[in-house]
């Protein structure tokens, strides 16, 4: 399929997707306002997901199947990414993750898994805001998930392996022991099933713990965790850092990470913001705020990349990336892989668009 045909098909489906999403959001807001449940953006996302399933069943090949240009492939250690675009760790729905892979992601990262099954925070817990004319999301979802026991049993049979692209497994925990325990259960199942095309992401920057603290707040705990996990597996390990940390803390983390083999940094996570700073109504977010994602994060993401580039660690850039221009800026700053999150919700057709743009570079 030629670039002009890809461009036309992408433009048409992108327009339809964004138009339907805008109308749906408007109708949901009217309905929620009249019923007193104003602000539950998560309902809109779930509605959109259900319709993506239906579209995939009836028009999947036409709507979602895109060929990745061969010239943009990237290898990180022994992992081959057909595209440097990676789905960031915020989604666990296998149907949606597979659709994004069909659209041209080079790899996908499963939502952070914790030890026990979690329902997450009380709704509403997801808001859409506009900052400097850029769409962004604020989430305080709270890492809902099935728990590591069930996850480790279901992961080996996932349809995602059929795409033969690297799968990222994001691990969280309340303390070092929980990280280590979660890792061991997942690694044991993957080895038992003779699977190899995967990597781990240690989410050391997630504040959705009972204490509100993250492992990355203490470099001693981070080093202890890496000393336990790194010898247990040969696959690449990523460390996901926070834009909320100051440059000195990021540099210290980078110095620790580079002393281990087969490591990379994911720079970075969402940035904590308060609800009141965005004129959101009281009760619109649990814990008085949440993690900001989307376009406004890009300047901080680029600054973080430069810190780690000078240390000499392979970098994945996550935060504010949605166009080929963003990818080029992050690549120039020193990143080699590029994580997408909010962009996949706002318009997943950015994936084939960026891939084509990179092929023309």
Protein backbone atom coordinates (compact mmCIF):
# COMPACT_ATOMS: atom_id res chain seq x y z
CA UNK A 1 0.00 0.00 0.00
CA UNK A 2 1.42 3.38 -1.04
CA UNK A 3 2.00 6.29 1.31
CA UNK A 4 -0.76 8.34 -0.32
CA UNK A 5 -3.31 5.58 0.20
CA UNK A 6 -2.18 5.11 3.82
CA UNK A 7 -2.40 8.84 4.40
CA UNK A 8 -5.93 9.03 2.96
CA UNK A 9 -7.19 6.00 4.88
CA UNK A 10 -5.61 7.27 8.11
CA UNK A 11 -7.05 10.75 7.62
CA UNK A 12 -10.59 9.44 7.04
CA UNK A 13 -10.64 7.08 10.01
CA UNK A 14 -8.90 9.61 12.24
CA UNK A 15 -11.51 12.23 11.40
CA UNK A 16 -14.35 9.79 12.08
CA UNK A 17 -12.77 8.66 15.37
CA UNK A 18 -12.24 12.22 16.65
CA UNK A 19 -15.67 13.38 15.49
CA UNK A 20 -17.48 10.48 17.14
CA UNK A 21 -15.43 10.93 20.31
CA UNK A 22 -16.30 14.65 20.49
CA UNK A 23 -20.01 14.05 19.95
CA UNK A 24 -20.01 11.20 22.46
CA UNK A 25 -18.25 13.31 25.04
CA UNK A 26 -20.79 16.12 24.57
CA UNK A 27 -23.77 13.76 24.89
CA UNK A 28 -22.29 12.03 27.94
CA UNK A 29 -21.63 15.38 29.63
CA UNK A 30 -25.22 16.47 29.05
CA UNK A 31 -26.52 13.16 30.38
CA UNK A 32 -24.22 13.24 33.40
CA UNK A 33 -25.11 16.85 34.18
CA UNK A 34 -28.84 16.10 34.16
CA UNK A 35 -28.34 13.02 36.37
CA UNK A 36 -25.96 14.70 38.81
CA UNK A 37 -22.93 12.57 37.82
CA UNK A 38 -21.00 15.30 36.03
CA UNK A 39 -17.38 14.61 35.22
CA UNK A 40 -17.14 10.83 34.80
CA UNK A 41 -14.89 10.75 31.72
CA UNK A 42 -14.15 7.07 32.32
CA UNK A 43 -17.63 6.21 31.02
CA UNK A 44 -16.74 7.85 27.72
CA UNK A 45 -13.51 5.86 27.44
CA UNK A 46 -15.36 2.61 28.15
CA UNK A 47 -18.01 3.48 25.55
CA UNK A 48 -15.27 4.16 23.04
CA UNK A 49 -13.54 0.86 23.83
CA UNK A 50 -16.73 -1.09 23.23
CA UNK A 51 -17.16 0.53 19.84
CA UNK A 52 -13.56 -0.17 18.93
CA UNK A 53 -14.30 -3.87 19.59
CA UNK A 54 -17.31 -3.71 17.26
CA UNK A 55 -15.35 -1.90 14.58
CA UNK A 56 -12.55 -4.46 14.83
CA UNK A 57 -15.02 -7.32 14.31
CA UNK A 58 -16.62 -5.83 11.20
CA UNK A 59 -14.02 -3.50 9.69
CA UNK A 60 -10.83 -4.48 11.47
CA UNK A 61 -8.65 -5.06 8.43
CA UNK A 62 -9.69 -1.79 6.82
CA UNK A 63 -9.84 0.36 9.95
CA UNK A 64 -6.90 -0.92 12.00
CA UNK A 65 -4.50 -3.02 9.91
CA UNK A 66 -1.40 -1.01 8.95
CA UNK A 67 1.99 -2.18 7.70
CA UNK A 68 4.98 -0.83 9.59
CA UNK A 69 7.71 0.58 7.31
CA UNK A 70 10.78 -1.66 7.50
CA UNK A 71 13.17 1.28 7.72
CA UNK A 72 12.08 2.40 11.21
CA UNK A 73 12.92 -0.82 13.09
CA UNK A 74 14.98 -0.48 16.26
CA UNK A 75 16.82 -3.07 18.37
CA UNK A 76 17.30 -2.65 22.10
CA UNK A 77 19.59 -5.35 23.44
CA UNK A 78 18.02 -8.57 22.10
CA UNK A 79 14.56 -7.06 21.52
CA UNK A 80 13.51 -6.07 18.00
CA UNK A 81 10.92 -3.31 17.78
CA UNK A 82 9.43 -3.01 14.29
CA UNK A 83 8.55 0.57 15.22
CA UNK A 84 10.11 2.67 18.00
CA UNK A 85 6.57 3.53 19.19
CA UNK A 86 5.53 1.69 22.35
CA UNK A 87 2.18 1.57 24.10
CA UNK A 88 2.78 2.93 27.61
CA UNK A 89 1.63 1.01 30.69
CA UNK A 90 -1.87 2.31 31.36
CA UNK A 91 -4.20 -0.25 29.77
CA UNK A 92 -4.92 -3.92 30.52
CA UNK A 93 -7.73 -4.67 28.05
CA UNK A 94 -6.20 -7.19 25.64
CA UNK A 95 -8.63 -6.35 22.82
CA UNK A 96 -7.60 -2.70 22.84
CA UNK A 97 -3.90 -3.50 23.21
CA UNK A 98 -4.12 -5.81 20.20
CA UNK A 99 -5.88 -3.15 18.10
CA UNK A 100 -3.05 -0.74 18.85
CA UNK A 101 -0.49 -3.34 17.81
CA UNK A 102 -2.36 -3.85 14.53
CA UNK A 103 -2.17 -0.10 13.95
CA UNK A 104 1.61 -0.20 14.09
CA UNK A 105 3.01 -0.05 17.60
CA UNK A 106 6.41 -1.70 17.85
CA UNK A 107 5.60 -3.06 21.29
CA UNK A 108 3.09 -2.77 24.10
CA UNK A 109 3.36 -2.45 27.89
CA UNK A 110 0.69 -3.99 30.07
CA UNK A 111 -0.80 -1.88 32.87
CA UNK A 112 1.17 -2.00 36.14
CA UNK A 113 0.40 -5.17 38.09
CA UNK A 114 0.25 -5.26 41.88
CA UNK A 115 0.19 -8.19 44.30
CA UNK A 116 -3.51 -8.25 45.18
CA UNK A 117 -6.58 -7.69 43.05
CA UNK A 118 -7.50 -3.99 43.17
CA UNK A 119 -10.68 -2.15 42.25
CA UNK A 120 -8.94 1.19 42.18
CA UNK A 121 -10.19 4.48 43.52
CA UNK A 122 -13.83 5.51 43.64
CA UNK A 123 -15.23 7.18 40.52
CA UNK A 124 -15.09 9.78 39.13
CA UNK A 125 -11.33 9.36 38.82
CA UNK A 126 -10.53 10.49 35.26
CA UNK A 127 -10.86 14.03 33.91
CA UNK A 128 -10.07 15.66 30.58
CA UNK A 129 -8.68 19.21 30.70
CA UNK A 130 -7.17 21.70 28.29
CA UNK A 131 -3.85 23.39 29.04
CA UNK A 132 -2.41 25.98 26.66
CA UNK A 133 -4.80 24.73 23.94
CA UNK A 134 -3.57 21.15 24.42
CA UNK A 135 -5.79 18.27 25.50
CA UNK A 136 -4.65 16.43 28.61
CA UNK A 137 -5.94 13.87 31.08
CA UNK A 138 -5.82 13.80 34.86
CA UNK A 139 -6.20 10.35 36.34
CA UNK A 140 -6.44 8.98 39.84
CA UNK A 141 -7.67 5.56 38.80
CA UNK A 142 -5.57 3.79 41.40
CA UNK A 143 -4.12 0.82 39.49
CA UNK A 144 -7.16 -1.47 39.31
CA UNK A 145 -6.17 -4.95 38.22
CA UNK A 146 -6.55 -8.69 38.64
CA UNK A 147 -3.55 -9.20 40.91
CA UNK A 148 -0.32 -11.03 40.14
CA UNK A 149 -1.55 -14.60 40.76
CA UNK A 150 -4.25 -14.46 38.12
CA UNK A 151 -2.20 -12.24 35.82
CA UNK A 152 0.81 -14.58 35.79
CA UNK A 153 -1.45 -17.50 34.83
CA UNK A 154 -3.28 -15.68 32.01
CA UNK A 155 -0.36 -13.76 30.48
CA UNK A 156 1.34 -16.72 28.71
CA UNK A 157 -1.85 -17.43 26.72
CA UNK A 158 -2.38 -13.81 25.66
CA UNK A 159 -3.12 -13.09 22.00
CA UNK A 160 -0.50 -10.33 22.18
CA UNK A 161 2.30 -12.88 21.75
CA UNK A 162 0.94 -13.74 18.28
CA UNK A 163 2.16 -10.38 16.99
CA UNK A 164 5.79 -11.29 17.79
CA UNK A 165 6.58 -7.87 19.17
CA UNK A 166 8.09 -7.13 22.58
CA UNK A 167 5.61 -7.15 25.46
CA UNK A 168 6.39 -4.99 28.46
CA UNK A 169 5.32 -6.13 31.91
CA UNK A 170 5.01 -3.24 34.33
CA UNK A 171 5.46 -4.20 37.98
CA UNK A 172 4.48 -2.14 41.01
CA UNK A 173 4.37 -2.69 44.74
CA UNK A 174 4.07 -1.23 48.21
CA UNK A 175 7.68 -2.15 49.03
CA UNK A 176 10.73 -3.96 47.67
CA UNK A 177 9.44 -7.35 48.82
CA UNK A 178 6.20 -6.97 46.85
CA UNK A 179 8.06 -5.94 43.69
CA UNK A 180 10.34 -8.95 44.03
CA UNK A 181 7.50 -11.37 44.77
CA UNK A 182 5.45 -10.11 41.81
CA UNK A 183 8.45 -10.40 39.52
CA UNK A 184 9.25 -13.97 40.59
CA UNK A 185 5.70 -15.21 39.96
CA UNK A 186 5.53 -13.67 36.49
CA UNK A 187 9.05 -14.72 35.50
CA UNK A 188 8.43 -18.29 36.61
CA UNK A 189 5.34 -18.61 34.40
CA UNK A 190 7.00 -17.03 31.37
CA UNK A 191 10.03 -19.29 31.64
CA UNK A 192 7.79 -22.32 32.11
CA UNK A 193 6.03 -21.44 28.85
CA UNK A 194 9.35 -20.79 27.05
CA UNK A 195 8.51 -17.18 26.19
CA UNK A 196 11.29 -14.72 25.47
CA UNK A 197 10.11 -11.60 23.60
CA UNK A 198 9.42 -9.43 26.63
CA UNK A 199 10.86 -6.89 29.04
CA UNK A 200 10.05 -5.66 32.51
CA UNK A 201 9.23 -2.13 33.53
CA UNK A 202 9.75 -1.41 37.22
CA UNK A 203 7.25 1.34 37.96
CA UNK A 204 9.14 3.01 40.81
CA UNK A 205 7.30 6.32 40.38
CA UNK A 206 3.69 5.36 40.97
CA UNK A 207 2.14 7.06 44.04
CA UNK A 208 -0.98 4.84 43.99
CA UNK A 209 0.15 2.91 47.05
CA UNK A 210 -1.37 2.84 50.50
CA UNK A 211 1.30 5.23 51.77
CA UNK A 212 1.32 7.50 48.73
CA UNK A 213 5.08 6.99 48.50
CA UNK A 214 7.03 5.48 45.61
CA UNK A 215 10.10 3.23 45.67
CA UNK A 216 11.99 5.80 43.63
CA UNK A 217 11.73 8.29 46.49
CA UNK A 218 14.54 6.26 48.10
CA UNK A 219 17.57 5.40 45.98
CA UNK A 220 18.64 2.87 48.65
CA UNK A 221 15.42 0.91 48.14
CA UNK A 222 15.83 1.08 44.37
CA UNK A 223 19.33 -0.34 44.60
CA UNK A 224 18.16 -3.09 46.94
CA UNK A 225 15.41 -4.04 44.51
CA UNK A 226 17.73 -4.13 41.49
CA UNK A 227 20.24 -6.23 43.42
CA UNK A 228 17.50 -8.83 43.93
CA UNK A 229 15.76 -8.74 40.54
CA UNK A 230 18.60 -8.21 38.03
CA UNK A 231 20.40 -11.53 38.74
CA UNK A 232 17.14 -13.48 38.32
CA UNK A 233 16.53 -12.69 34.63
CA UNK A 234 18.46 -11.88 31.48
CA UNK A 235 15.69 -9.87 29.79
CA UNK A 236 15.92 -6.06 29.64
CA UNK A 237 14.72 -4.13 32.68
CA UNK A 238 13.27 -0.64 32.42
CA UNK A 239 12.91 1.80 35.30
CA UNK A 240 10.00 4.24 35.05
CA UNK A 241 10.76 7.60 36.66
CA UNK A 242 8.65 10.60 37.64
CA UNK A 243 8.70 14.14 36.24
CA UNK A 244 7.91 15.29 39.79
CA UNK A 245 11.40 14.39 40.99
CA UNK A 246 14.07 17.08 40.81
CA UNK A 247 17.04 16.78 38.48
CA UNK A 248 19.43 15.72 41.24
CA UNK A 249 17.18 12.80 42.21
CA UNK A 250 16.86 11.74 38.58
CA UNK A 251 20.62 11.88 38.13
CA UNK A 252 21.17 9.71 41.22
CA UNK A 253 18.69 7.16 39.88
CA UNK A 254 20.45 7.20 36.52
CA UNK A 255 23.82 6.55 38.15
CA UNK A 256 22.40 3.52 39.94
CA UNK A 257 20.64 2.12 36.86
CA UNK A 258 23.66 2.35 34.58
CA UNK A 259 25.69 0.12 36.91
CA UNK A 260 23.51 -2.87 35.94
CA UNK A 261 23.41 -4.72 32.62
CA UNK A 262 20.58 -4.68 30.07
CA UNK A 263 18.85 -1.66 31.64
CA UNK A 264 16.96 1.34 30.25
CA UNK A 265 15.07 4.31 31.67
CA UNK A 266 11.46 5.17 30.85
CA UNK A 267 11.28 8.92 31.19
CA UNK A 268 8.70 9.19 32.55
CA UNK A 269 5.36 8.92 34.32
CA UNK A 270 2.44 11.32 34.90
CA UNK A 271 2.93 14.53 36.91
CA UNK A 272 0.83 15.01 40.03
CA UNK A 273 -1.51 18.02 39.93
CA UNK A 274 -4.25 19.26 42.26
CA UNK A 275 -7.88 19.38 41.22
CA UNK A 276 -8.28 22.96 42.47
CA UNK A 277 -5.61 24.18 40.06
CA UNK A 278 -7.89 23.23 37.15
CA UNK A 279 -11.18 24.52 38.58
CA UNK A 280 -12.48 21.00 38.95
CA UNK A 281 -15.37 20.61 41.34
CA UNK A 282 -14.87 19.22 44.81
CA UNK A 283 -15.08 15.44 44.69
CA UNK A 284 -14.18 15.29 41.01
CA UNK A 285 -10.96 13.40 41.82
CA UNK A 286 -9.97 11.05 44.66
CA UNK A 287 -7.14 12.26 46.91
CA UNK A 288 -7.62 15.83 45.70
CA UNK A 289 -5.80 15.37 42.41
CA UNK A 290 -4.13 12.93 40.07
CA UNK A 291 -1.53 12.32 37.42
CA UNK A 292 -1.42 14.71 34.46
CA UNK A 293 -0.65 13.19 31.06
CA UNK A 294 -0.65 14.51 27.53
CA UNK A 295 0.90 17.36 25.55
CA UNK A 296 1.76 19.68 28.47
CA UNK A 297 4.29 17.11 29.75
CA UNK A 298 6.53 17.23 26.67
CA UNK A 299 8.95 20.01 27.80
CA UNK A 300 9.68 18.20 31.07
CA UNK A 301 10.04 14.89 29.22
CA UNK A 302 12.69 16.39 26.94
CA UNK A 303 14.53 17.86 29.93
CA UNK A 304 14.56 14.50 31.68
CA UNK A 305 15.89 12.77 28.58
CA UNK A 306 18.87 15.12 28.45
CA UNK A 307 19.75 14.29 32.07
CA UNK A 308 19.90 10.56 31.41
CA UNK A 309 21.49 10.94 27.96
CA UNK A 310 24.54 12.48 29.59
CA UNK A 311 24.81 9.44 31.88
CA UNK A 312 24.72 7.06 28.93
CA UNK A 313 21.55 4.97 29.43
CA UNK A 314 19.14 3.86 26.66
CA UNK A 315 15.97 5.92 26.99
CA UNK A 316 12.28 5.55 26.31
CA UNK A 317 10.51 8.92 26.15
CA UNK A 318 6.97 8.90 27.56
CA UNK A 319 4.96 12.01 28.25
CA UNK A 320 3.38 14.39 25.75
CA UNK A 321 4.23 12.55 22.53
CA UNK A 322 1.53 12.45 19.86
CA UNK A 323 3.13 13.60 16.56
CA UNK A 324 6.18 12.80 14.47
CA UNK A 325 7.57 16.23 15.43
CA UNK A 326 7.43 15.24 19.11
CA UNK A 327 9.21 11.97 18.32
CA UNK A 328 11.92 13.78 16.39
CA UNK A 329 12.43 16.24 19.25
CA UNK A 330 12.70 13.39 21.76
CA UNK A 331 15.07 11.50 19.46
CA UNK A 332 17.27 14.57 19.06
CA UNK A 333 17.31 14.92 22.87
CA UNK A 334 18.58 11.35 23.19
CA UNK A 335 15.65 8.89 23.31
CA UNK A 336 15.51 5.71 21.22
CA UNK A 337 11.99 4.46 22.02
CA UNK A 338 8.83 6.53 22.40
CA UNK A 339 5.91 5.70 24.67
CA UNK A 340 2.35 6.74 23.82
CA UNK A 341 -0.51 6.91 26.31
CA UNK A 342 -2.94 9.85 26.15
CA UNK A 343 -2.37 10.10 22.39
CA UNK A 344 -3.79 6.57 21.96
CA UNK A 345 -7.00 7.64 23.67
CA UNK A 346 -7.36 10.95 21.85
CA UNK A 347 -6.54 9.56 18.40
CA UNK A 348 -4.84 6.16 17.92
CA UNK A 349 -4.40 6.96 14.23
CA UNK A 350 -1.40 8.98 15.30
CA UNK A 351 0.46 5.63 15.24
CA UNK A 352 0.42 4.94 11.46
CA UNK A 353 0.80 8.69 10.88
CA UNK A 354 4.00 8.85 12.97
CA UNK A 355 5.37 5.63 11.46
CA UNK A 356 4.96 7.01 7.94
CA UNK A 357 6.53 10.30 9.03
CA UNK A 358 9.53 8.52 10.49
CA UNK A 359 9.98 6.48 7.30
CA UNK A 360 10.19 9.72 5.31
CA UNK A 361 12.83 11.21 7.66
